[in-house]
Amino acid sequence: MNLKTAAGVTAAYGLWVIAGGVWRYWEAASANALGFGLFMGVLALAGAWLLFKGARVSGLAVAALAVVFVGGFFATKGSKDGIDIRVAITLALSVAEAVVLILAWRGKRE
């Protein structure tokens, strides 16, 4: 997978994470969810920007950090509190993003 494609998918993932934080803030007035969503979403967007600029290793590392924290958080949250639609979508997108990052890592060096 080329870096531009990985950057686009990672940007979409980052935007979803931000939207998920806003969604949770809207439904439960959770400032923690808003803060987590904004921070992790911006981290994923920073990874996407680095990938778009061609900084392969740093972009993948930053994006992977966001995926590990978001995916890990929602995996433990889902096992404790049950899975609602927001949690299910975020978990599925975290797995998909991890696959994209692996494919970009294994892909042709540009």
PDB file of N, CA and C in Angstrom:
ATOM      1  N   MET A   1       0.858  -1.172   0.000  1.00  0.00           N
ATOM      2  CA  MET A   1       0.000   0.000   0.000  1.00  0.00           C
ATOM      3  C   MET A   1       0.903   1.234   0.000  1.00  0.00           C
ATOM      4  N   ASN A   2       0.554   2.212  -0.826  1.00  0.00           N
ATOM      5  CA  ASN A   2       1.386   3.412  -0.867  1.00  0.00           C
ATOM      6  C   ASN A   2       1.037   4.348   0.290  1.00  0.00           C
ATOM      7  N   LEU A   3       1.947   5.277   0.553  1.00  0.00           N
ATOM      8  CA  LEU A   3       1.804   6.151   1.717  1.00  0.00           C
ATOM      9  C   LEU A   3       0.644   7.131   1.580  1.00  0.00           C
ATOM     10  N   LYS A   4       0.341   7.553   0.377  1.00  0.00           N
ATOM     11  CA  LYS A   4      -0.768   8.501   0.190  1.00  0.00           C
ATOM     12  C   LYS A   4      -2.103   7.851   0.555  1.00  0.00           C
ATOM     13  N   THR A   5      -2.277   6.608   0.163  1.00  0.00           N
ATOM     14  CA  THR A   5      -3.504   5.885   0.513  1.00  0.00           C
ATOM     15  C   THR A   5      -3.584   5.673   2.019  1.00  0.00           C
ATOM     16  N   ALA A   6      -2.471   5.256   2.606  1.00  0.00           N
ATOM     17  CA  ALA A   6      -2.433   5.059   4.060  1.00  0.00           C
ATOM     18  C   ALA A   6      -2.708   6.373   4.781  1.00  0.00           C
ATOM     19  N   ALA A   7      -2.183   7.476   4.241  1.00  0.00           N
ATOM     20  CA  ALA A   7      -2.414   8.786   4.852  1.00  0.00           C
ATOM     21  C   ALA A   7      -3.897   9.147   4.805  1.00  0.00           C
ATOM     22  N   GLY A   8      -4.561   8.887   3.694  1.00  0.00           N
ATOM     23  CA  GLY A   8      -5.985   9.182   3.571  1.00  0.00           C
ATOM     24  C   GLY A   8      -6.827   8.373   4.537  1.00  0.00           C
ATOM     25  N   VAL A   9      -6.539   7.089   4.636  1.00  0.00           N
ATOM     26  CA  VAL A   9      -7.293   6.231   5.554  1.00  0.00           C
ATOM     27  C   VAL A   9      -7.027   6.644   6.997  1.00  0.00           C
ATOM     28  N   THR A  10      -5.789   6.964   7.302  1.00  0.00           N
ATOM     29  CA  THR A  10      -5.430   7.383   8.661  1.00  0.00           C
ATOM     30  C   THR A  10      -6.098   8.705   9.015  1.00  0.00           C
ATOM     31  N   ALA A  11      -6.182   9.626   8.061  1.00  0.00           N
ATOM     32  CA  ALA A  11      -6.877  10.897   8.305  1.00  0.00           C
ATOM     33  C   ALA A  11      -8.357  10.647   8.599  1.00  0.00           C
ATOM     34  N   ALA A  12      -8.969   9.762   7.836  1.00  0.00           N
ATOM     35  CA  ALA A  12     -10.379   9.430   8.085  1.00  0.00           C
ATOM     36  C   ALA A  12     -10.549   8.808   9.471  1.00  0.00           C
ATOM     37  N   TYR A  13      -9.618   7.963   9.855  1.00  0.00           N
ATOM     38  CA  TYR A  13      -9.651   7.351  11.188  1.00  0.00           C
ATOM     39  C   TYR A  13      -9.544   8.433  12.274  1.00  0.00           C
ATOM     40  N   GLY A  14      -8.614   9.358  12.094  1.00  0.00           N
ATOM     41  CA  GLY A  14      -8.454  10.435  13.061  1.00  0.00           C
ATOM     42  C   GLY A  14      -9.712  11.278  13.191  1.00  0.00           C
ATOM     43  N   LEU A  15     -10.334  11.573  12.070  1.00  0.00           N
ATOM     44  CA  LEU A  15     -11.580  12.348  12.103  1.00  0.00           C
ATOM     45  C   LEU A  15     -12.687  11.577  12.820  1.00  0.00           C
ATOM     46  N   TRP A  16     -12.732  10.247  12.609  1.00  0.00           N
ATOM     47  CA  TRP A  16     -13.729   9.440  13.316  1.00  0.00           C
ATOM     48  C   TRP A  16     -13.487   9.470  14.818  1.00  0.00           C
ATOM     49  N   VAL A  17     -12.233   9.372  15.234  1.00  0.00           N
ATOM     50  CA  VAL A  17     -11.924   9.378  16.662  1.00  0.00           C
ATOM     51  C   VAL A  17     -12.354  10.705  17.288  1.00  0.00           C
ATOM     52  N   ILE A  18     -12.104  11.799  16.600  1.00  0.00           N
ATOM     53  CA  ILE A  18     -12.562  13.105  17.084  1.00  0.00           C
ATOM     54  C   ILE A  18     -14.085  13.137  17.155  1.00  0.00           C
ATOM     55  N   ALA A  19     -14.736  12.652  16.105  1.00  0.00           N
ATOM     56  CA  ALA A  19     -16.201  12.627  16.085  1.00  0.00           C
ATOM     57  C   ALA A  19     -16.750  11.752  17.207  1.00  0.00           C
ATOM     58  N   GLY A  20     -16.087  10.632  17.481  1.00  0.00           N
ATOM     59  CA  GLY A  20     -16.527   9.766  18.579  1.00  0.00           C
ATOM     60  C   GLY A  20     -16.423  10.453  19.929  1.00  0.00           C
ATOM     61  N   GLY A  21     -15.373  11.230  20.125  1.00  0.00           N
ATOM     62  CA  GLY A  21     -15.241  11.990  21.369  1.00  0.00           C
ATOM     63  C   GLY A  21     -16.325  13.037  21.508  1.00  0.00           C
ATOM     64  N   VAL A  22     -16.615  13.715  20.407  1.00  0.00           N
ATOM     65  CA  VAL A  22     -17.680  14.722  20.418  1.00  0.00           C
ATOM     66  C   VAL A  22     -19.028  14.047  20.652  1.00  0.00           C
ATOM     67  N   TRP A  23     -19.245  12.904  20.008  1.00  0.00           N
ATOM     68  CA  TRP A  23     -20.490  12.143  20.174  1.00  0.00           C
ATOM     69  C   TRP A  23     -20.703  11.800  21.648  1.00  0.00           C
ATOM     70  N   ARG A  24     -19.664  11.258  22.293  1.00  0.00           N
ATOM     71  CA  ARG A  24     -19.787  10.866  23.697  1.00  0.00           C
ATOM     72  C   ARG A  24     -19.990  12.092  24.589  1.00  0.00           C
ATOM     73  N   TYR A  25     -19.311  13.177  24.259  1.00  0.00           N
ATOM     74  CA  TYR A  25     -19.502  14.408  25.027  1.00  0.00           C
ATOM     75  C   TYR A  25     -20.951  14.889  24.901  1.00  0.00           C
ATOM     76  N   TRP A  26     -21.484  14.806  23.700  1.00  0.00           N
ATOM     77  CA  TRP A  26     -22.858  15.238  23.443  1.00  0.00           C
ATOM     78  C   TRP A  26     -23.875  14.396  24.200  1.00  0.00           C
ATOM     79  N   GLU A  27     -23.666  13.070  24.232  1.00  0.00           N
ATOM     80  CA  GLU A  27     -24.657  12.202  24.862  1.00  0.00           C
ATOM     81  C   GLU A  27     -24.488  12.070  26.370  1.00  0.00           C
ATOM     82  N   ALA A  28     -23.271  12.260  26.899  1.00  0.00           N
ATOM     83  CA  ALA A  28     -23.074  12.037  28.326  1.00  0.00           C
ATOM     84  C   ALA A  28     -22.347  13.179  29.023  1.00  0.00           C
ATOM     85  N   ALA A  29     -22.091  14.267  28.315  1.00  0.00           N
ATOM     86  CA  ALA A  29     -21.366  15.420  28.872  1.00  0.00           C
ATOM     87  C   ALA A  29     -20.041  14.997  29.499  1.00  0.00           C
ATOM     88  N   SER A  30     -19.355  14.066  28.834  1.00  0.00           N
ATOM     89  CA  SER A  30     -18.088  13.549  29.343  1.00  0.00           C
ATOM     90  C   SER A  30     -16.929  14.357  28.768  1.00  0.00           C
ATOM     91  N   ALA A  31     -16.374  15.229  29.610  1.00  0.00           N
ATOM     92  CA  ALA A  31     -15.225  16.022  29.181  1.00  0.00           C
ATOM     93  C   ALA A  31     -14.015  15.127  28.933  1.00  0.00           C
ATOM     94  N   ASN A  32     -13.908  14.032  29.680  1.00  0.00           N
ATOM     95  CA  ASN A  32     -12.800  13.091  29.463  1.00  0.00           C
ATOM     96  C   ASN A  32     -12.871  12.468  28.077  1.00  0.00           C
ATOM     97  N   ALA A  33     -14.058  12.088  27.652  1.00  0.00           N
ATOM     98  CA  ALA A  33     -14.230  11.497  26.320  1.00  0.00           C
ATOM     99  C   ALA A  33     -13.886  12.507  25.240  1.00  0.00           C
ATOM    100  N   LEU A  34     -14.297  13.743  25.436  1.00  0.00           N
ATOM    101  CA  LEU A  34     -13.981  14.792  24.468  1.00  0.00           C
ATOM    102  C   LEU A  34     -12.472  15.013  24.392  1.00  0.00           C
ATOM    103  N   GLY A  35     -11.833  15.104  25.542  1.00  0.00           N
ATOM    104  CA  GLY A  35     -10.389  15.302  25.571  1.00  0.00           C
ATOM    105  C   GLY A  35      -9.634  14.147  24.941  1.00  0.00           C
ATOM    106  N   PHE A  36     -10.021  12.919  25.275  1.00  0.00           N
ATOM    107  CA  PHE A  36      -9.376  11.733  24.711  1.00  0.00           C
ATOM    108  C   PHE A  36      -9.576  11.676  23.205  1.00  0.00           C
ATOM    109  N   GLY A  37     -10.809  11.916  22.769  1.00  0.00           N
ATOM    110  CA  GLY A  37     -11.098  11.879  21.340  1.00  0.00           C
ATOM    111  C   GLY A  37     -10.330  12.935  20.569  1.00  0.00           C
ATOM    112  N   LEU A  38     -10.280  14.141  21.117  1.00  0.00           N
ATOM    113  CA  LEU A  38      -9.540  15.208  20.443  1.00  0.00           C
ATOM    114  C   LEU A  38      -8.043  14.905  20.399  1.00  0.00           C
ATOM    115  N   PHE A  39      -7.483  14.506  21.528  1.00  0.00           N
ATOM    116  CA  PHE A  39      -6.045  14.248  21.573  1.00  0.00           C
ATOM    117  C   PHE A  39      -5.649  13.096  20.658  1.00  0.00           C
ATOM    118  N   MET A  40      -6.351  11.981  20.758  1.00  0.00           N
ATOM    119  CA  MET A  40      -5.999  10.810  19.947  1.00  0.00           C
ATOM    120  C   MET A  40      -6.318  11.039  18.473  1.00  0.00           C
ATOM    121  N   GLY A  41      -7.405  11.756  18.192  1.00  0.00           N
ATOM    122  CA  GLY A  41      -7.730  12.073  16.802  1.00  0.00           C
ATOM    123  C   GLY A  41      -6.683  12.969  16.170  1.00  0.00           C
ATOM    124  N   VAL A  42      -6.246  13.975  16.905  1.00  0.00           N
ATOM    125  CA  VAL A  42      -5.197  14.856  16.389  1.00  0.00           C
ATOM    126  C   VAL A  42      -3.889  14.091  16.235  1.00  0.00           C
ATOM    127  N   LEU A  43      -3.607  13.169  17.140  1.00  0.00           N
ATOM    128  CA  LEU A  43      -2.413  12.330  17.006  1.00  0.00           C
ATOM    129  C   LEU A  43      -2.476  11.508  15.719  1.00  0.00           C
ATOM    130  N   ALA A  44      -3.627  10.917  15.438  1.00  0.00           N
ATOM    131  CA  ALA A  44      -3.787  10.154  14.196  1.00  0.00           C
ATOM    132  C   ALA A  44      -3.670  11.072  12.982  1.00  0.00           C
ATOM    133  N   LEU A  45      -4.236  12.270  13.063  1.00  0.00           N
ATOM    134  CA  LEU A  45      -4.114  13.217  11.953  1.00  0.00           C
ATOM    135  C   LEU A  45      -2.655  13.645  11.751  1.00  0.00           C
ATOM    136  N   ALA A  46      -1.908  13.777  12.827  1.00  0.00           N
ATOM    137  CA  ALA A  46      -0.483  14.103  12.701  1.00  0.00           C
ATOM    138  C   ALA A  46       0.251  12.958  12.001  1.00  0.00           C
ATOM    139  N   GLY A  47      -0.098  11.727  12.344  1.00  0.00           N
ATOM    140  CA  GLY A  47       0.486  10.577  11.651  1.00  0.00           C
ATOM    141  C   GLY A  47       0.135  10.577  10.178  1.00  0.00           C
ATOM    142  N   ALA A  48      -1.108  10.922   9.863  1.00  0.00           N
ATOM    143  CA  ALA A  48      -1.537  11.001   8.459  1.00  0.00           C
ATOM    144  C   ALA A  48      -0.756  12.076   7.715  1.00  0.00           C
ATOM    145  N   TRP A  49      -0.556  13.222   8.348  1.00  0.00           N
ATOM    146  CA  TRP A  49       0.191  14.313   7.723  1.00  0.00           C
ATOM    147  C   TRP A  49       1.637  13.892   7.456  1.00  0.00           C
ATOM    148  N   LEU A  50       2.251  13.214   8.426  1.00  0.00           N
ATOM    149  CA  LEU A  50       3.618  12.727   8.232  1.00  0.00           C
ATOM    150  C   LEU A  50       3.685  11.717   7.092  1.00  0.00           C
ATOM    151  N   LEU A  51       2.708  10.830   7.016  1.00  0.00           N
ATOM    152  CA  LEU A  51       2.674   9.863   5.915  1.00  0.00           C
ATOM    153  C   LEU A  51       2.511  10.574   4.579  1.00  0.00           C
ATOM    154  N   PHE A  52       1.631  11.558   4.540  1.00  0.00           N
ATOM    155  CA  PHE A  52       1.411  12.304   3.305  1.00  0.00           C
ATOM    156  C   PHE A  52       2.682  13.012   2.860  1.00  0.00           C
ATOM    157  N   LYS A  53       3.459  13.502   3.815  1.00  0.00           N
ATOM    158  CA  LYS A  53       4.707  14.191   3.508  1.00  0.00           C
ATOM    159  C   LYS A  53       5.842  13.227   3.174  1.00  0.00           C
ATOM    160  N   GLY A  54       5.599  11.921   3.316  1.00  0.00           N
ATOM    161  CA  GLY A  54       6.607  10.924   2.966  1.00  0.00           C
ATOM    162  C   GLY A  54       7.482  10.471   4.110  1.00  0.00           C
ATOM    163  N   ALA A  55       7.196  10.918   5.314  1.00  0.00           N
ATOM    164  CA  ALA A  55       7.959  10.487   6.490  1.00  0.00           C
ATOM    165  C   ALA A  55       7.376   9.159   6.964  1.00  0.00           C
ATOM    166  N   ARG A  56       7.777   8.098   6.309  1.00  0.00           N
ATOM    167  CA  ARG A  56       7.171   6.788   6.472  1.00  0.00           C
ATOM    168  C   ARG A  56       7.248   6.262   7.908  1.00  0.00           C
ATOM    169  N   VAL A  57       8.448   6.161   8.440  1.00  0.00           N
ATOM    170  CA  VAL A  57       8.631   5.539   9.753  1.00  0.00           C
ATOM    171  C   VAL A  57       7.970   6.365  10.853  1.00  0.00           C
ATOM    172  N   SER A  58       8.206   7.674  10.856  1.00  0.00           N
ATOM    173  CA  SER A  58       7.612   8.497  11.912  1.00  0.00           C
ATOM    174  C   SER A  58       6.091   8.567  11.768  1.00  0.00           C
ATOM    175  N   GLY A  59       5.588   8.650  10.550  1.00  0.00           N
ATOM    176  CA  GLY A  59       4.148   8.675  10.340  1.00  0.00           C
ATOM    177  C   GLY A  59       3.475   7.401  10.803  1.00  0.00           C
ATOM    178  N   LEU A  60       4.085   6.270  10.463  1.00  0.00           N
ATOM    179  CA  LEU A  60       3.522   4.993  10.899  1.00  0.00           C
ATOM    180  C   LEU A  60       3.591   4.849  12.414  1.00  0.00           C
ATOM    181  N   ALA A  61       4.681   5.314  13.009  1.00  0.00           N
ATOM    182  CA  ALA A  61       4.828   5.207  14.464  1.00  0.00           C
ATOM    183  C   ALA A  61       3.788   6.058  15.194  1.00  0.00           C
ATOM    184  N   VAL A  62       3.585   7.280  14.744  1.00  0.00           N
ATOM    185  CA  VAL A  62       2.618   8.172  15.388  1.00  0.00           C
ATOM    186  C   VAL A  62       1.201   7.631  15.213  1.00  0.00           C
ATOM    187  N   ALA A  63       0.870   7.196  14.015  1.00  0.00           N
ATOM    188  CA  ALA A  63      -0.464   6.647  13.770  1.00  0.00           C
ATOM    189  C   ALA A  63      -0.673   5.356  14.567  1.00  0.00           C
ATOM    190  N   ALA A  64       0.353   4.518  14.645  1.00  0.00           N
ATOM    191  CA  ALA A  64       0.239   3.274  15.410  1.00  0.00           C
ATOM    192  C   ALA A  64       0.027   3.554  16.890  1.00  0.00           C
ATOM    193  N   LEU A  65       0.669   4.589  17.402  1.00  0.00           N
ATOM    194  CA  LEU A  65       0.481   4.959  18.802  1.00  0.00           C
ATOM    195  C   LEU A  65      -0.986   5.303  19.073  1.00  0.00           C
ATOM    196  N   ALA A  66      -1.582   6.060  18.171  1.00  0.00           N
ATOM    197  CA  ALA A  66      -2.999   6.404  18.325  1.00  0.00           C
ATOM    198  C   ALA A  66      -3.870   5.148  18.273  1.00  0.00           C
ATOM    199  N   VAL A  67      -3.579   4.253  17.334  1.00  0.00           N
ATOM    200  CA  VAL A  67      -4.381   3.027  17.198  1.00  0.00           C
ATOM    201  C   VAL A  67      -4.263   2.158  18.447  1.00  0.00           C
ATOM    202  N   VAL A  68      -3.068   2.037  18.982  1.00  0.00           N
ATOM    203  CA  VAL A  68      -2.871   1.206  20.172  1.00  0.00           C
ATOM    204  C   VAL A  68      -3.662   1.764  21.348  1.00  0.00           C
ATOM    205  N   PHE A  69      -3.580   3.072  21.566  1.00  0.00           N
ATOM    206  CA  PHE A  69      -4.305   3.659  22.690  1.00  0.00           C
ATOM    207  C   PHE A  69      -5.812   3.623  22.486  1.00  0.00           C
ATOM    208  N   VAL A  70      -6.280   3.992  21.312  1.00  0.00           N
ATOM    209  CA  VAL A  70      -7.726   4.006  21.063  1.00  0.00           C
ATOM    210  C   VAL A  70      -8.273   2.581  21.052  1.00  0.00           C
ATOM    211  N   GLY A  71      -7.643   1.700  20.281  1.00  0.00           N
ATOM    212  CA  GLY A  71      -8.118   0.315  20.224  1.00  0.00           C
ATOM    213  C   GLY A  71      -8.065  -0.368  21.578  1.00  0.00           C
ATOM    214  N   GLY A  72      -6.968  -0.150  22.301  1.00  0.00           N
ATOM    215  CA  GLY A  72      -6.839  -0.750  23.632  1.00  0.00           C
ATOM    216  C   GLY A  72      -7.881  -0.232  24.605  1.00  0.00           C
ATOM    217  N   PHE A  73      -8.095   1.073  24.584  1.00  0.00           N
ATOM    218  CA  PHE A  73      -9.096   1.649  25.471  1.00  0.00           C
ATOM    219  C   PHE A  73     -10.476   1.091  25.177  1.00  0.00           C
ATOM    220  N   PHE A  74     -10.859   1.083  23.909  1.00  0.00           N
ATOM    221  CA  PHE A  74     -12.204   0.621  23.571  1.00  0.00           C
ATOM    222  C   PHE A  74     -12.369  -0.880  23.724  1.00  0.00           C
ATOM    223  N   ALA A  75     -11.293  -1.648  23.581  1.00  0.00           N
ATOM    224  CA  ALA A  75     -11.381  -3.092  23.825  1.00  0.00           C
ATOM    225  C   ALA A  75     -11.662  -3.355  25.304  1.00  0.00           C
ATOM    226  N   THR A  76     -10.971  -2.641  26.190  1.00  0.00           N
ATOM    227  CA  THR A  76     -11.225  -2.845  27.619  1.00  0.00           C
ATOM    228  C   THR A  76     -12.566  -2.246  28.027  1.00  0.00           C
ATOM    229  N   LYS A  77     -12.931  -1.113  27.450  1.00  0.00           N
ATOM    230  CA  LYS A  77     -14.230  -0.492  27.748  1.00  0.00           C
ATOM    231  C   LYS A  77     -15.362  -1.407  27.310  1.00  0.00           C
ATOM    232  N   GLY A  78     -15.233  -1.976  26.113  1.00  0.00           N
ATOM    233  CA  GLY A  78     -16.269  -2.869  25.610  1.00  0.00           C
ATOM    234  C   GLY A  78     -16.430  -4.109  26.467  1.00  0.00           C
ATOM    235  N   SER A  79     -15.316  -4.630  26.978  1.00  0.00           N
ATOM    236  CA  SER A  79     -15.413  -5.839  27.795  1.00  0.00           C
ATOM    237  C   SER A  79     -16.003  -5.538  29.175  1.00  0.00           C
ATOM    238  N   LYS A  80     -15.811  -4.312  29.676  1.00  0.00           N
ATOM    239  CA  LYS A  80     -16.356  -3.953  30.989  1.00  0.00           C
ATOM    240  C   LYS A  80     -17.792  -3.439  30.916  1.00  0.00           C
ATOM    241  N   ASP A  81     -18.046  -2.514  29.983  1.00  0.00           N
ATOM    242  CA  ASP A  81     -19.320  -1.794  29.957  1.00  0.00           C
ATOM    243  C   ASP A  81     -20.293  -2.275  28.885  1.00  0.00           C
ATOM    244  N   GLY A  82     -19.885  -3.203  28.058  1.00  0.00           N
ATOM    245  CA  GLY A  82     -20.725  -3.615  26.944  1.00  0.00           C
ATOM    246  C   GLY A  82     -20.411  -2.781  25.715  1.00  0.00           C
ATOM    247  N   ILE A  83     -20.870  -3.249  24.594  1.00  0.00           N
ATOM    248  CA  ILE A  83     -20.535  -2.596  23.333  1.00  0.00           C
ATOM    249  C   ILE A  83     -21.762  -1.913  22.759  1.00  0.00           C
ATOM    250  N   ASP A  84     -21.686  -0.587  22.652  1.00  0.00           N
ATOM    251  CA  ASP A  84     -22.732   0.151  21.947  1.00  0.00           C
ATOM    252  C   ASP A  84     -22.225   0.428  20.530  1.00  0.00           C
ATOM    253  N   ILE A  85     -22.997   1.114  19.739  1.00  0.00           N
ATOM    254  CA  ILE A  85     -22.661   1.316  18.333  1.00  0.00           C
ATOM    255  C   ILE A  85     -21.370   2.119  18.165  1.00  0.00           C
ATOM    256  N   ARG A  86     -21.165   3.138  19.000  1.00  0.00           N
ATOM    257  CA  ARG A  86     -19.955   3.959  18.911  1.00  0.00           C
ATOM    258  C   ARG A  86     -18.715   3.136  19.228  1.00  0.00           C
ATOM    259  N   VAL A  87     -18.798   2.316  20.246  1.00  0.00           N
ATOM    260  CA  VAL A  87     -17.675   1.453  20.629  1.00  0.00           C
ATOM    261  C   VAL A  87     -17.408   0.426  19.535  1.00  0.00           C
ATOM    262  N   ALA A  88     -18.463  -0.172  18.996  1.00  0.00           N
ATOM    263  CA  ALA A  88     -18.302  -1.183  17.944  1.00  0.00           C
ATOM    264  C   ALA A  88     -17.653  -0.591  16.694  1.00  0.00           C
ATOM    265  N   ILE A  89     -18.110   0.580  16.291  1.00  0.00           N
ATOM    266  CA  ILE A  89     -17.531   1.217  15.101  1.00  0.00           C
ATOM    267  C   ILE A  89     -16.073   1.560  15.348  1.00  0.00           C
ATOM    268  N   THR A  90     -15.774   2.107  16.521  1.00  0.00           N
ATOM    269  CA  THR A  90     -14.403   2.496  16.825  1.00  0.00           C
ATOM    270  C   THR A  90     -13.487   1.281  16.885  1.00  0.00           C
ATOM    271  N   LEU A  91     -13.948   0.194  17.469  1.00  0.00           N
ATOM    272  CA  LEU A  91     -13.141  -1.028  17.497  1.00  0.00           C
ATOM    273  C   LEU A  91     -12.888  -1.561  16.088  1.00  0.00           C
ATOM    274  N   ALA A  92     -13.938  -1.591  15.269  1.00  0.00           N
ATOM    275  CA  ALA A  92     -13.788  -2.087  13.895  1.00  0.00           C
ATOM    276  C   ALA A  92     -12.835  -1.200  13.103  1.00  0.00           C
ATOM    277  N   LEU A  93     -12.970   0.105  13.250  1.00  0.00           N
ATOM    278  CA  LEU A  93     -12.083   1.021  12.528  1.00  0.00           C
ATOM    279  C   LEU A  93     -10.654   0.953  13.046  1.00  0.00           C
ATOM    280  N   SER A  94     -10.482   0.688  14.325  1.00  0.00           N
ATOM    281  CA  SER A  94      -9.128   0.530  14.872  1.00  0.00           C
ATOM    282  C   SER A  94      -8.443  -0.696  14.286  1.00  0.00           C
ATOM    283  N   VAL A  95      -9.178  -1.778  14.158  1.00  0.00           N
ATOM    284  CA  VAL A  95      -8.619  -2.981  13.539  1.00  0.00           C
ATOM    285  C   VAL A  95      -8.292  -2.709  12.070  1.00  0.00           C
ATOM    286  N   ALA A  96      -9.207  -2.056  11.361  1.00  0.00           N
ATOM    287  CA  ALA A  96      -8.966  -1.736   9.952  1.00  0.00           C
ATOM    288  C   ALA A  96      -7.756  -0.817   9.803  1.00  0.00           C
ATOM    289  N   GLU A  97      -7.632   0.175  10.671  1.00  0.00           N
ATOM    290  CA  GLU A  97      -6.489   1.089  10.617  1.00  0.00           C
ATOM    291  C   GLU A  97      -5.184   0.345  10.908  1.00  0.00           C
ATOM    292  N   ALA A  98      -5.219  -0.579  11.855  1.00  0.00           N
ATOM    293  CA  ALA A  98      -4.021  -1.375  12.141  1.00  0.00           C
ATOM    294  C   ALA A  98      -3.598  -2.179  10.916  1.00  0.00           C
ATOM    295  N   VAL A  99      -4.558  -2.742  10.201  1.00  0.00           N
ATOM    296  CA  VAL A  99      -4.251  -3.484   8.972  1.00  0.00           C
ATOM    297  C   VAL A  99      -3.643  -2.556   7.925  1.00  0.00           C
ATOM    298  N   VAL A 100      -4.204  -1.365   7.775  1.00  0.00           N
ATOM    299  CA  VAL A 100      -3.667  -0.390   6.820  1.00  0.00           C
ATOM    300  C   VAL A 100      -2.225  -0.042   7.171  1.00  0.00           C
ATOM    301  N   LEU A 101      -1.954   0.182   8.443  1.00  0.00           N
ATOM    302  CA  LEU A 101      -0.594   0.529   8.853  1.00  0.00           C
ATOM    303  C   LEU A 101       0.381  -0.622   8.612  1.00  0.00           C
ATOM    304  N   ILE A 102      -0.066  -1.838   8.868  1.00  0.00           N
ATOM    305  CA  ILE A 102       0.794  -3.010   8.599  1.00  0.00           C
ATOM    306  C   ILE A 102       1.073  -3.123   7.109  1.00  0.00           C
ATOM    307  N   LEU A 103       0.044  -2.948   6.296  1.00  0.00           N
ATOM    308  CA  LEU A 103       0.245  -3.023   4.844  1.00  0.00           C
ATOM    309  C   LEU A 103       1.174  -1.913   4.345  1.00  0.00           C
ATOM    310  N   ALA A 104       1.038  -0.724   4.923  1.00  0.00           N
ATOM    311  CA  ALA A 104       1.922   0.379   4.541  1.00  0.00           C
ATOM    312  C   ALA A 104       3.351   0.106   4.990  1.00  0.00           C
ATOM    313  N   TRP A 105       3.514  -0.511   6.135  1.00  0.00           N
ATOM    314  CA  TRP A 105       4.842  -0.852   6.627  1.00  0.00           C
ATOM    315  C   TRP A 105       5.499  -1.902   5.737  1.00  0.00           C
ATOM    316  N   ARG A 106       4.722  -2.888   5.341  1.00  0.00           N
ATOM    317  CA  ARG A 106       5.257  -3.977   4.527  1.00  0.00           C
ATOM    318  C   ARG A 106       5.355  -3.630   3.051  1.00  0.00           C
ATOM    319  N   GLY A 107       4.689  -2.542   2.656  1.00  0.00           N
ATOM    320  CA  GLY A 107       4.645  -2.146   1.258  1.00  0.00           C
ATOM    321  C   GLY A 107       5.989  -1.682   0.726  1.00  0.00           C
ATOM    322  N   LYS A 108       5.973  -1.410  -0.555  1.00  0.00           N
ATOM    323  CA  LYS A 108       7.179  -0.950  -1.245  1.00  0.00           C
ATOM    324  C   LYS A 108       7.691   0.345  -0.630  1.00  0.00           C
ATOM    325  N   ARG A 109       8.971   0.387  -0.394  1.00  0.00           N
ATOM    326  CA  ARG A 109       9.594   1.600   0.133  1.00  0.00           C
ATOM    327  C   ARG A 109       9.621   2.646  -0.961  1.00  0.00           C
ATOM    328  N   GLU A 110       9.101   3.827  -0.652  1.00  0.00           N
ATOM    329  CA  GLU A 110       9.027   4.886  -1.669  1.00  0.00           C
ATOM    330  C   GLU A 110      10.232   5.788  -1.609  1.00  0.00           C
TER     331      GLU A 110
END
